[in-house]
PDB file of N, CA and C in Angstrom:
ATOM      1  N   MET A   1      43.992  44.648  28.999  1.00  0.00           N
ATOM      2  CA  MET A   1      43.822  43.375  28.268  1.00  0.00           C
ATOM      3  C   MET A   1      42.873  43.581  27.106  1.00  0.00           C
ATOM      4  N   THR A   2      43.307  43.150  25.949  1.00  0.00           N
ATOM      5  CA  THR A   2      42.422  43.286  24.779  1.00  0.00           C
ATOM      6  C   THR A   2      41.395  42.181  24.749  1.00  0.00           C
ATOM      7  N   LEU A   3      40.404  42.354  23.906  1.00  0.00           N
ATOM      8  CA  LEU A   3      39.331  41.367  23.789  1.00  0.00           C
ATOM      9  C   LEU A   3      39.883  40.030  23.303  1.00  0.00           C
ATOM     10  N   SER A   4      40.813  40.065  22.365  1.00  0.00           N
ATOM     11  CA  SER A   4      41.357  38.826  21.812  1.00  0.00           C
ATOM     12  C   SER A   4      42.117  38.041  22.873  1.00  0.00           C
ATOM     13  N   ALA A   5      42.821  38.766  23.757  1.00  0.00           N
ATOM     14  CA  ALA A   5      43.550  38.083  24.844  1.00  0.00           C
ATOM     15  C   ALA A   5      42.570  37.407  25.808  1.00  0.00           C
ATOM     16  N   ILE A   6      41.475  38.110  26.114  1.00  0.00           N
ATOM     17  CA  ILE A   6      40.464  37.561  27.009  1.00  0.00           C
ATOM     18  C   ILE A   6      39.846  36.300  26.387  1.00  0.00           C
ATOM     19  N   VAL A   7      39.498  36.383  25.106  1.00  0.00           N
ATOM     20  CA  VAL A   7      38.920  35.231  24.395  1.00  0.00           C
ATOM     21  C   VAL A   7      39.899  34.074  24.392  1.00  0.00           C
ATOM     22  N   LEU A   8      41.173  34.357  24.123  1.00  0.00           N
ATOM     23  CA  LEU A   8      42.199  33.312  24.074  1.00  0.00           C
ATOM     24  C   LEU A   8      42.345  32.635  25.419  1.00  0.00           C
ATOM     25  N   SER A   9      42.322  33.401  26.490  1.00  0.00           N
ATOM     26  CA  SER A   9      42.462  32.813  27.818  1.00  0.00           C
ATOM     27  C   SER A   9      41.272  31.936  28.161  1.00  0.00           C
ATOM     28  N   ILE A  10      40.060  32.398  27.820  1.00  0.00           N
ATOM     29  CA  ILE A  10      38.841  31.608  28.039  1.00  0.00           C
ATOM     30  C   ILE A  10      38.910  30.297  27.259  1.00  0.00           C
ATOM     31  N   VAL A  11      39.328  30.392  25.995  1.00  0.00           N
ATOM     32  CA  VAL A  11      39.418  29.198  25.153  1.00  0.00           C
ATOM     33  C   VAL A  11      40.453  28.220  25.700  1.00  0.00           C
ATOM     34  N   SER A  12      41.611  28.746  26.141  1.00  0.00           N
ATOM     35  CA  SER A  12      42.653  27.846  26.644  1.00  0.00           C
ATOM     36  C   SER A  12      42.208  27.175  27.935  1.00  0.00           C
ATOM     37  N   ILE A  13      41.472  27.895  28.781  1.00  0.00           N
ATOM     38  CA  ILE A  13      40.903  27.282  29.987  1.00  0.00           C
ATOM     39  C   ILE A  13      39.933  26.149  29.599  1.00  0.00           C
ATOM     40  N   GLY A  14      39.114  26.443  28.588  1.00  0.00           N
ATOM     41  CA  GLY A  14      38.186  25.422  28.096  1.00  0.00           C
ATOM     42  C   GLY A  14      38.893  24.198  27.583  1.00  0.00           C
ATOM     43  N   VAL A  15      40.007  24.430  26.867  1.00  0.00           N
ATOM     44  CA  VAL A  15      40.804  23.321  26.322  1.00  0.00           C
ATOM     45  C   VAL A  15      41.355  22.459  27.473  1.00  0.00           C
ATOM     46  N   VAL A  16      41.902  23.112  28.492  1.00  0.00           N
ATOM     47  CA  VAL A  16      42.473  22.386  29.620  1.00  0.00           C
ATOM     48  C   VAL A  16      41.412  21.586  30.353  1.00  0.00           C
ATOM     49  N   VAL A  17      40.253  22.224  30.595  1.00  0.00           N
ATOM     50  CA  VAL A  17      39.153  21.531  31.283  1.00  0.00           C
ATOM     51  C   VAL A  17      38.684  20.318  30.487  1.00  0.00           C
ATOM     52  N   THR A  18      38.484  20.518  29.179  1.00  0.00           N
ATOM     53  CA  THR A  18      38.048  19.434  28.310  1.00  0.00           C
ATOM     54  C   THR A  18      39.022  18.278  28.335  1.00  0.00           C
ATOM     55  N   MET A  19      40.330  18.596  28.246  1.00  0.00           N
ATOM     56  CA  MET A  19      41.339  17.556  28.236  1.00  0.00           C
ATOM     57  C   MET A  19      41.374  16.797  29.551  1.00  0.00           C
ATOM     58  N   SER A  20      41.300  17.507  30.668  1.00  0.00           N
ATOM     59  CA  SER A  20      41.326  16.834  31.969  1.00  0.00           C
ATOM     60  C   SER A  20      40.099  15.968  32.163  1.00  0.00           C
ATOM     61  N   LEU A  21      38.941  16.434  31.670  1.00  0.00           N
ATOM     62  CA  LEU A  21      37.711  15.645  31.750  1.00  0.00           C
ATOM     63  C   LEU A  21      37.841  14.360  30.955  1.00  0.00           C
ATOM     64  N   SER A  22      38.358  14.472  29.727  1.00  0.00           N
ATOM     65  CA  SER A  22      38.487  13.279  28.883  1.00  0.00           C
ATOM     66  C   SER A  22      39.521  12.310  29.460  1.00  0.00           C
ATOM     67  N   LEU A  23      40.571  12.840  30.070  1.00  0.00           N
ATOM     68  CA  LEU A  23      41.547  11.968  30.723  1.00  0.00           C
ATOM     69  C   LEU A  23      40.920  11.239  31.912  1.00  0.00           C
ATOM     70  N   LYS A  24      40.072  11.934  32.648  1.00  0.00           N
ATOM     71  CA  LYS A  24      39.382  11.326  33.790  1.00  0.00           C
ATOM     72  C   LYS A  24      38.478  10.216  33.310  1.00  0.00           C
ATOM     73  N   ILE A  25      37.749  10.475  32.206  1.00  0.00           N
ATOM     74  CA  ILE A  25      36.862   9.463  31.611  1.00  0.00           C
ATOM     75  C   ILE A  25      37.698   8.224  31.210  1.00  0.00           C
ATOM     76  N   LEU A  26      38.850   8.505  30.571  1.00  0.00           N
ATOM     77  CA  LEU A  26      39.720   7.426  30.143  1.00  0.00           C
ATOM     78  C   LEU A  26      40.179   6.571  31.313  1.00  0.00           C
ATOM     79  N   ARG A  27      40.524   7.241  32.434  1.00  0.00           N
ATOM     80  CA  ARG A  27      41.025   6.501  33.586  1.00  0.00           C
ATOM     81  C   ARG A  27      39.916   5.640  34.209  1.00  0.00           C
ATOM     82  N   LYS A  28      38.704   6.200  34.271  1.00  0.00           N
ATOM     83  CA  LYS A  28      37.609   5.482  34.915  1.00  0.00           C
ATOM     84  C   LYS A  28      37.081   4.363  34.043  1.00  0.00           C
ATOM     85  N   HIS A  29      36.842   4.676  32.757  1.00  0.00           N
ATOM     86  CA  HIS A  29      36.199   3.691  31.863  1.00  0.00           C
ATOM     87  C   HIS A  29      37.093   3.433  30.661  1.00  0.00           C
ATOM     88  N   GLY A  30      38.391   3.144  30.930  1.00  0.00           N
ATOM     89  CA  GLY A  30      39.346   2.946  29.853  1.00  0.00           C
ATOM     90  C   GLY A  30      39.032   1.751  28.964  1.00  0.00           C
ATOM     91  N   SER A  31      38.282   0.787  29.529  1.00  0.00           N
ATOM     92  CA  SER A  31      38.040  -0.435  28.773  1.00  0.00           C
ATOM     93  C   SER A  31      36.928  -0.241  27.725  1.00  0.00           C
ATOM     94  N   THR A  32      36.068   0.768  27.918  1.00  0.00           N
ATOM     95  CA  THR A  32      34.946   0.983  27.011  1.00  0.00           C
ATOM     96  C   THR A  32      35.430   1.704  25.751  1.00  0.00           C
ATOM     97  N   PRO A  33      35.325   1.052  24.592  1.00  0.00           N
ATOM     98  CA  PRO A  33      35.821   1.655  23.342  1.00  0.00           C
ATOM     99  C   PRO A  33      35.067   2.937  22.967  1.00  0.00           C
ATOM    100  N   MET A  34      33.763   2.975  23.236  1.00  0.00           N
ATOM    101  CA  MET A  34      32.976   4.143  22.852  1.00  0.00           C
ATOM    102  C   MET A  34      33.403   5.367  23.663  1.00  0.00           C
ATOM    103  N   LEU A  35      33.590   5.192  24.961  1.00  0.00           N
ATOM    104  CA  LEU A  35      34.024   6.293  25.814  1.00  0.00           C
ATOM    105  C   LEU A  35      35.424   6.749  25.457  1.00  0.00           C
ATOM    106  N   LYS A  36      36.307   5.785  25.109  1.00  0.00           N
ATOM    107  CA  LYS A  36      37.646   6.121  24.705  1.00  0.00           C
ATOM    108  C   LYS A  36      37.601   6.968  23.428  1.00  0.00           C
ATOM    109  N   GLY A  37      36.744   6.578  22.510  1.00  0.00           N
ATOM    110  CA  GLY A  37      36.582   7.326  21.270  1.00  0.00           C
ATOM    111  C   GLY A  37      36.061   8.720  21.521  1.00  0.00           C
ATOM    112  N   MET A  38      35.104   8.824  22.442  1.00  0.00           N
ATOM    113  CA  MET A  38      34.539  10.116  22.777  1.00  0.00           C
ATOM    114  C   MET A  38      35.571  11.026  23.409  1.00  0.00           C
ATOM    115  N   ALA A  39      36.419  10.456  24.295  1.00  0.00           N
ATOM    116  CA  ALA A  39      37.455  11.256  24.953  1.00  0.00           C
ATOM    117  C   ALA A  39      38.454  11.764  23.923  1.00  0.00           C
ATOM    118  N   VAL A  40      38.848  10.906  22.991  1.00  0.00           N
ATOM    119  CA  VAL A  40      39.770  11.301  21.934  1.00  0.00           C
ATOM    120  C   VAL A  40      39.141  12.383  21.067  1.00  0.00           C
ATOM    121  N   LEU A  41      37.867  12.215  20.762  1.00  0.00           N
ATOM    122  CA  LEU A  41      37.157  13.207  19.945  1.00  0.00           C
ATOM    123  C   LEU A  41      37.106  14.557  20.665  1.00  0.00           C
ATOM    124  N   LEU A  42      36.837  14.544  21.970  1.00  0.00           N
ATOM    125  CA  LEU A  42      36.810  15.773  22.763  1.00  0.00           C
ATOM    126  C   LEU A  42      38.163  16.479  22.699  1.00  0.00           C
ATOM    127  N   MET A  43      39.226  15.691  22.859  1.00  0.00           N
ATOM    128  CA  MET A  43      40.576  16.259  22.820  1.00  0.00           C
ATOM    129  C   MET A  43      40.854  16.914  21.457  1.00  0.00           C
ATOM    130  N   ALA A  44      40.487  16.166  20.406  1.00  0.00           N
ATOM    131  CA  ALA A  44      40.715  16.675  19.060  1.00  0.00           C
ATOM    132  C   ALA A  44      39.936  17.977  18.835  1.00  0.00           C
ATOM    133  N   LEU A  45      38.682  18.008  19.297  1.00  0.00           N
ATOM    134  CA  LEU A  45      37.871  19.205  19.173  1.00  0.00           C
ATOM    135  C   LEU A  45      38.503  20.374  19.910  1.00  0.00           C
ATOM    136  N   ALA A  46      38.993  20.119  21.118  1.00  0.00           N
ATOM    137  CA  ALA A  46      39.609  21.167  21.911  1.00  0.00           C
ATOM    138  C   ALA A  46      40.838  21.752  21.204  1.00  0.00           C
ATOM    139  N   VAL A  47      41.660  20.850  20.643  1.00  0.00           N
ATOM    140  CA  VAL A  47      42.858  21.298  19.946  1.00  0.00           C
ATOM    141  C   VAL A  47      42.484  22.088  18.690  1.00  0.00           C
ATOM    142  N   ILE A  48      41.456  21.633  17.963  1.00  0.00           N
ATOM    143  CA  ILE A  48      41.003  22.332  16.765  1.00  0.00           C
ATOM    144  C   ILE A  48      40.485  23.729  17.126  1.00  0.00           C
ATOM    145  N   TRP A  49      39.678  23.825  18.183  1.00  0.00           N
ATOM    146  CA  TRP A  49      39.163  25.100  18.684  1.00  0.00           C
ATOM    147  C   TRP A  49      40.315  26.056  18.953  1.00  0.00           C
ATOM    148  N   PHE A  50      41.311  25.525  19.714  1.00  0.00           N
ATOM    149  CA  PHE A  50      42.442  26.341  20.131  1.00  0.00           C
ATOM    150  C   PHE A  50      43.192  26.854  18.897  1.00  0.00           C
ATOM    151  N   GLY A  51      43.478  25.954  17.967  1.00  0.00           N
ATOM    152  CA  GLY A  51      44.180  26.349  16.746  1.00  0.00           C
ATOM    153  C   GLY A  51      43.425  27.385  15.943  1.00  0.00           C
ATOM    154  N   TYR A  52      42.122  27.200  15.875  1.00  0.00           N
ATOM    155  CA  TYR A  52      41.244  28.113  15.128  1.00  0.00           C
ATOM    156  C   TYR A  52      41.333  29.520  15.716  1.00  0.00           C
ATOM    157  N   PHE A  53      41.282  29.631  17.050  1.00  0.00           N
ATOM    158  CA  PHE A  53      41.344  30.936  17.688  1.00  0.00           C
ATOM    159  C   PHE A  53      42.709  31.569  17.550  1.00  0.00           C
ATOM    160  N   VAL A  54      43.765  30.757  17.631  1.00  0.00           N
ATOM    161  CA  VAL A  54      45.121  31.272  17.470  1.00  0.00           C
ATOM    162  C   VAL A  54      45.274  31.860  16.050  1.00  0.00           C
ATOM    163  N   VAL A  55      44.772  31.130  15.061  1.00  0.00           N
ATOM    164  CA  VAL A  55      44.835  31.609  13.675  1.00  0.00           C
ATOM    165  C   VAL A  55      44.032  32.894  13.523  1.00  0.00           C
ATOM    166  N   LEU A  56      42.840  32.918  14.148  1.00  0.00           N
ATOM    167  CA  LEU A  56      42.006  34.130  14.067  1.00  0.00           C
ATOM    168  C   LEU A  56      42.711  35.346  14.674  1.00  0.00           C
ATOM    169  N   LEU A  57      43.409  35.125  15.780  1.00  0.00           N
ATOM    170  CA  LEU A  57      44.036  36.251  16.471  1.00  0.00           C
ATOM    171  C   LEU A  57      45.252  36.771  15.722  1.00  0.00           C
ATOM    172  N   PHE A  58      45.997  35.891  15.083  1.00  0.00           N
ATOM    173  CA  PHE A  58      47.271  36.358  14.525  1.00  0.00           C
ATOM    174  C   PHE A  58      47.223  36.625  13.031  1.00  0.00           C
ATOM    175  N   PHE A  59      46.111  36.269  12.362  1.00  0.00           N
ATOM    176  CA  PHE A  59      46.038  36.504  10.903  1.00  0.00           C
ATOM    177  C   PHE A  59      44.772  37.260  10.505  1.00  0.00           C
TER     178      PHE A  59
END
């Protein structure tokens, strides 16, 4: 396994964990606008992270 593959797997695990956490927050406190915004922000950050690393690895 190369270093880039290891990094990519770690990042993807982080993305999955972040998304599941934000979904859990949404389910528990869906009525709170601030928490909903934070969950959406976390998801967006995770996706941006993932895209950034994919771009780094392939270009």
